[in-house]
C-alpha cells in the first residue's frame, strides 16, 4: 500500500539514522522508498529542510531540497498545490515555504515540530508495517502513516467531479436567468472553469511524476528470486500492486 510516513526524532542525527534504515529496507526489498525529506527545528525555532534524494548533486545531506512530485500534492483543503517553479528551496523552510506557497503540507509539518527535534517524511510502498516499525520504532519518538489513496488520490477525483457538476449547473442556470443576472453567472462560470483547469493542470503535472516513480520501483525488483519465500511473495504482491496503479494512471490520462 502506498503511504506517507512521518517520524519524529529527538535529533537530526537520529532522523538520518532513520532515513538510512529506510534506505536499507529499500535495498533489501522489504519496502519501496520514494521521496524523502528531513525537517529540523533548531532551539531558536528556525526550520531547515534537507532532501536525501537529489542524486544530481551527489550529496544525500544537502541543505535545501527539491520540493515537488508527490509532496507538492499534499496541501490545503483540496490536498493539492503547485510546487515552486524549478523545484528548489535553499536554506530554511518555515517562513520561506509559507511565503512561496511551495508546500502547505511541509509548512504544517514544520510549524508543529518541537524546538530541537527533527521529522523524517518518506513516500513509501509497504505491504506490511513490521520492517519499518522494527527499525524506526526504537529510534523515533512518534511514527505515523497515512494512506495516499484516502488522503490524496480519491479526494482529488471527488473535487474534480464536484467542479464538473458545478460547471454544468452554472451553464444551465445561465440559460434561465434574466439579462440583469447573466453577468454574475458568467463570472461564476468563468471562475469555476478556471479552478477546474488549474486542478487538471496540477493532476497532469504530477501524473508524470507518479508514472516515473512507479516505473522506478518496478524496475528495481531483483531478477532472481529471494531466498526468503515470504519476502519473495510480498515483493511480488507489491510489484503487482504498483503495476496495477501504473496501468490505472496511464488509462486515466
Protein backbone atom coordinates (compact mmCIF):
# COMPACT_ATOMS: atom_id res chain seq x y z
CA UNK A 1 0.00 0.00 0.00
CA UNK A 2 1.26 3.46 -0.93
CA UNK A 3 1.75 5.66 2.12
CA UNK A 4 3.42 8.73 3.53
CA UNK A 5 5.46 8.12 6.68
CA UNK A 6 6.10 10.85 9.27
CA UNK A 7 8.55 10.05 12.08
CA UNK A 8 9.57 12.44 14.87
CA UNK A 9 13.10 12.22 16.31
CA UNK A 10 14.97 13.83 19.19
CA UNK A 11 17.84 14.92 16.93
CA UNK A 12 18.70 15.34 13.27
CA UNK A 13 21.35 12.64 13.67
CA UNK A 14 18.66 10.18 14.78
CA UNK A 15 16.47 11.27 11.86
CA UNK A 16 19.25 10.47 9.40
CA UNK A 17 19.72 7.11 11.09
CA UNK A 18 16.02 6.56 10.45
CA UNK A 19 16.45 7.59 6.83
CA UNK A 20 19.36 5.19 6.43
CA UNK A 21 17.20 2.42 7.89
CA UNK A 22 14.50 3.08 5.29
CA UNK A 23 17.09 3.08 2.51
CA UNK A 24 18.40 -0.27 3.73
CA UNK A 25 14.86 -1.69 3.75
CA UNK A 26 14.54 -0.50 0.17
CA UNK A 27 17.79 -2.24 -0.78
CA UNK A 28 16.67 -5.49 0.88
CA UNK A 29 13.33 -5.33 -0.99
CA UNK A 30 11.26 -5.06 2.19
CA UNK A 31 9.66 -1.77 1.07
CA UNK A 32 9.84 0.69 -1.83
CA UNK A 33 11.09 4.20 -0.95
CA UNK A 34 10.43 7.34 -2.99
CA UNK A 35 10.81 10.99 -1.99
CA UNK A 36 12.36 11.62 1.43
CA UNK A 37 12.81 14.81 3.44
CA UNK A 38 14.13 15.71 6.87
CA UNK A 39 12.89 18.86 8.60
CA UNK A 40 14.74 20.08 11.69
CA UNK A 41 13.76 22.90 14.04
CA UNK A 42 16.68 24.33 16.00
CA UNK A 43 16.44 25.74 19.53
CA UNK A 44 15.74 29.21 18.09
CA UNK A 45 12.75 27.95 16.14
CA UNK A 46 14.39 28.05 12.69
CA UNK A 47 13.42 25.12 10.46
CA UNK A 48 15.84 23.63 7.93
CA UNK A 49 14.77 21.20 5.25
CA UNK A 50 17.04 18.63 3.68
CA UNK A 51 16.39 16.37 0.74
CA UNK A 52 18.03 12.96 0.69
CA UNK A 53 17.09 12.15 -2.88
CA UNK A 54 18.92 14.57 -5.12
CA UNK A 55 21.44 12.36 -6.90
CA UNK A 56 22.41 15.06 -9.39
CA UNK A 57 24.15 16.97 -6.60
CA UNK A 58 25.83 13.84 -5.32
CA UNK A 59 25.02 14.69 -1.73
CA UNK A 60 22.43 12.92 0.40
CA UNK A 61 22.54 15.50 3.19
CA UNK A 62 22.40 18.80 1.36
CA UNK A 63 20.83 21.97 2.74
CA UNK A 64 17.63 22.69 0.88
CA UNK A 65 15.67 20.24 -1.22
CA UNK A 66 13.69 19.60 -4.34
CA UNK A 67 10.06 20.26 -3.44
CA UNK A 68 7.73 18.70 -5.94
CA UNK A 69 6.46 15.35 -7.06
CA UNK A 70 4.07 13.83 -4.58
CA UNK A 71 4.96 16.27 -1.79
CA UNK A 72 3.57 19.03 -3.97
CA UNK A 73 0.17 17.30 -3.89
CA UNK A 74 -0.20 17.32 -0.13
CA UNK A 75 -1.69 20.60 1.00
CA UNK A 76 -4.76 22.62 1.77
CA UNK A 77 -8.40 21.53 1.94
CA UNK A 78 -8.15 20.09 -1.56
CA UNK A 79 -4.86 18.33 -0.96
CA UNK A 80 -3.16 19.84 -3.99
CA UNK A 81 -0.84 22.79 -4.62
CA UNK A 82 1.59 23.91 -7.29
CA UNK A 83 5.25 23.40 -6.44
CA UNK A 84 7.81 26.17 -6.87
CA UNK A 85 8.86 26.52 -10.50
CA UNK A 86 12.18 24.75 -10.80
CA UNK A 87 11.52 22.97 -7.53
CA UNK A 88 14.45 24.23 -5.46
CA UNK A 89 14.40 25.74 -1.99
CA UNK A 90 17.63 26.53 -0.22
CA UNK A 91 18.24 27.12 3.44
CA UNK A 92 15.36 27.41 5.87
CA UNK A 93 11.80 26.23 5.45
CA UNK A 94 9.11 27.69 7.71
CA UNK A 95 8.54 31.25 6.53
CA UNK A 96 10.17 30.55 3.16
CA UNK A 97 7.80 27.69 2.42
CA UNK A 98 4.83 29.76 3.51
CA UNK A 99 5.86 32.85 1.57
CA UNK A 100 6.41 30.96 -1.67
CA UNK A 101 3.38 28.68 -1.31
CA UNK A 102 5.63 25.74 -2.03
CA UNK A 103 4.04 23.14 0.21
CA UNK A 104 1.35 23.74 2.79
CA UNK A 105 1.97 20.15 3.84
CA UNK A 106 5.63 20.76 4.73
CA UNK A 107 4.73 24.12 6.22
CA UNK A 108 2.19 22.48 8.53
CA UNK A 109 4.71 19.83 9.50
CA UNK A 110 7.42 22.41 10.22
CA UNK A 111 5.04 24.51 12.34
CA UNK A 112 4.42 21.56 14.65
CA UNK A 113 7.99 20.35 15.16
CA UNK A 114 9.13 20.95 18.77
CA UNK A 115 12.32 23.00 19.13
CA UNK A 116 15.41 20.83 18.78
CA UNK A 117 13.53 17.96 17.11
CA UNK A 118 13.51 16.54 13.57
CA UNK A 119 10.89 14.93 11.35
CA UNK A 120 11.54 12.38 8.62
CA UNK A 121 8.98 12.36 5.80
CA UNK A 122 9.06 9.47 3.34
CA UNK A 123 6.91 8.34 0.44
CA UNK A 124 6.85 4.54 0.59
CA UNK A 125 5.05 1.44 -0.61
CA UNK A 126 4.87 -1.24 2.07
CA UNK A 127 2.89 -4.49 2.22
CA UNK A 128 3.35 -4.88 5.93
CA UNK A 129 4.43 -2.48 8.65
CA UNK A 130 6.72 -4.72 10.70
CA UNK A 131 10.07 -3.90 8.98
CA UNK A 132 9.62 -0.13 9.31
CA UNK A 133 8.20 -0.39 12.83
CA UNK A 134 11.10 -2.61 13.92
CA UNK A 135 13.76 -0.15 12.74
CA UNK A 136 12.14 3.26 13.19
CA UNK A 137 10.25 2.41 16.38
CA UNK A 138 13.32 2.33 18.66
CA UNK A 139 14.82 5.45 17.03
CA UNK A 140 11.77 7.71 16.85
CA UNK A 141 9.56 9.44 19.37
CA UNK A 142 6.46 9.09 17.21
CA UNK A 143 5.70 7.23 13.99
CA UNK A 144 2.67 7.98 11.82
CA UNK A 145 1.42 6.84 8.41
CA UNK A 146 -1.39 7.85 6.11
CA UNK A 147 -2.81 6.14 3.06
CA UNK A 148 -2.30 8.21 -0.09
CA UNK A 149 -5.38 6.84 -1.84
CA UNK A 150 -7.55 8.07 1.03
CA UNK A 151 -5.80 11.40 1.58
CA UNK A 152 -4.76 12.43 -1.93
CA UNK A 153 -5.97 10.48 -4.95
CA UNK A 154 -9.64 9.89 -4.00
CA UNK A 155 -10.19 13.47 -2.72
CA UNK A 156 -8.73 14.83 -5.97
CA UNK A 157 -11.14 12.78 -8.07
CA UNK A 158 -14.04 13.84 -5.83
CA UNK A 159 -13.11 17.51 -6.15
CA UNK A 160 -12.83 17.28 -9.93
CA UNK A 161 -16.22 15.57 -10.16
CA UNK A 162 -17.73 18.32 -8.00
CA UNK A 163 -16.27 21.05 -10.19
CA UNK A 164 -17.67 19.39 -13.30
CA UNK A 165 -21.08 19.16 -11.65
CA UNK A 166 -20.97 22.81 -10.53
CA UNK A 167 -19.96 23.93 -14.04
CA UNK A 168 -22.86 22.03 -15.60
CA UNK A 169 -25.28 23.56 -13.09
CA UNK A 170 -23.92 27.07 -13.76
CA UNK A 171 -24.23 26.59 -17.52
CA UNK A 172 -27.85 25.52 -17.14
CA UNK A 173 -28.58 28.41 -14.80
CA UNK A 174 -27.07 30.87 -17.26
CA UNK A 175 -29.67 29.79 -19.83
CA UNK A 176 -32.50 30.51 -17.43
CA UNK A 177 -31.63 33.77 -15.69
CA UNK A 178 -32.81 37.20 -16.73
CA UNK A 179 -30.46 39.54 -18.55
CA UNK A 180 -29.54 41.53 -15.43
CA UNK A 181 -28.24 38.37 -13.70
CA UNK A 182 -26.24 36.98 -16.60
CA UNK A 183 -23.06 38.90 -15.84
CA UNK A 184 -22.82 37.42 -12.33
CA UNK A 185 -23.40 33.89 -13.57
CA UNK A 186 -20.91 34.34 -16.39
CA UNK A 187 -18.32 35.38 -13.79
CA UNK A 188 -19.21 32.36 -11.62
CA UNK A 189 -18.87 30.04 -14.60
CA UNK A 190 -15.54 31.56 -15.61
CA UNK A 191 -14.17 31.13 -12.07
CA UNK A 192 -15.33 27.51 -11.88
CA UNK A 193 -13.73 26.68 -15.22
CA UNK A 194 -10.50 28.35 -14.10
CA UNK A 195 -10.46 26.22 -10.94
CA UNK A 196 -11.07 23.08 -12.98
CA UNK A 197 -8.32 23.95 -15.44
CA UNK A 198 -5.88 24.61 -12.58
CA UNK A 199 -6.71 21.29 -10.92
CA UNK A 200 -6.45 19.38 -14.20
CA UNK A 201 -3.09 21.01 -14.86
CA UNK A 202 -1.79 20.01 -11.43
CA UNK A 203 -3.02 16.47 -11.88
CA UNK A 204 -1.38 16.24 -15.29
CA UNK A 205 1.90 17.59 -13.93
CA UNK A 206 2.02 15.19 -11.02
CA UNK A 207 0.84 12.18 -13.02
CA UNK A 208 4.14 12.29 -14.91
CA UNK A 209 5.99 12.17 -11.59
CA UNK A 210 3.87 9.27 -10.35
CA UNK A 211 4.48 7.28 -13.50
CA UNK A 212 8.22 7.82 -13.17
CA UNK A 213 8.17 6.76 -9.50
CA UNK A 214 6.17 3.58 -10.11
CA UNK A 215 8.31 2.64 -13.10
CA UNK A 216 11.43 3.17 -11.00
CA UNK A 217 10.11 0.95 -8.21
CA UNK A 218 9.10 -1.78 -10.65
CA UNK A 219 12.46 -1.69 -12.42
CA UNK A 220 14.29 -2.08 -9.10
CA UNK A 221 12.81 -5.53 -8.48
CA UNK A 222 15.54 -8.21 -8.47
CA UNK A 223 15.81 -10.56 -11.43
CA UNK A 224 16.49 -13.57 -9.21
CA UNK A 225 14.13 -14.99 -6.60
CA UNK A 226 14.87 -14.13 -2.99
CA UNK A 227 15.86 -16.92 -0.62
CA UNK A 228 13.14 -15.91 1.83
CA UNK A 229 9.90 -17.26 0.34
CA UNK A 230 7.67 -14.97 2.41
CA UNK A 231 9.67 -11.90 1.41
CA UNK A 232 9.54 -13.01 -2.23
CA UNK A 233 5.76 -13.34 -2.04
CA UNK A 234 5.40 -9.89 -0.50
CA UNK A 235 7.72 -8.41 -3.13
CA UNK A 236 5.74 -9.97 -5.97
CA UNK A 237 2.50 -8.68 -4.47
CA UNK A 238 3.95 -5.18 -4.07
CA UNK A 239 5.17 -5.09 -7.67
CA UNK A 240 1.78 -6.36 -8.86
CA UNK A 241 0.04 -3.54 -6.96
CA UNK A 242 2.46 -0.96 -8.36
CA UNK A 243 1.91 -2.20 -11.91
CA UNK A 244 -1.85 -2.04 -11.39
CA UNK A 245 -1.58 1.52 -10.12
CA UNK A 246 0.66 2.47 -13.07
CA UNK A 247 -1.83 0.99 -15.55
CA UNK A 248 -4.68 2.93 -13.91
CA UNK A 249 -2.77 6.20 -14.24
CA UNK A 250 -1.93 5.60 -17.89
CA UNK A 251 -5.54 4.64 -18.61
CA UNK A 252 -6.89 7.82 -16.97
CA UNK A 253 -4.59 10.21 -18.81
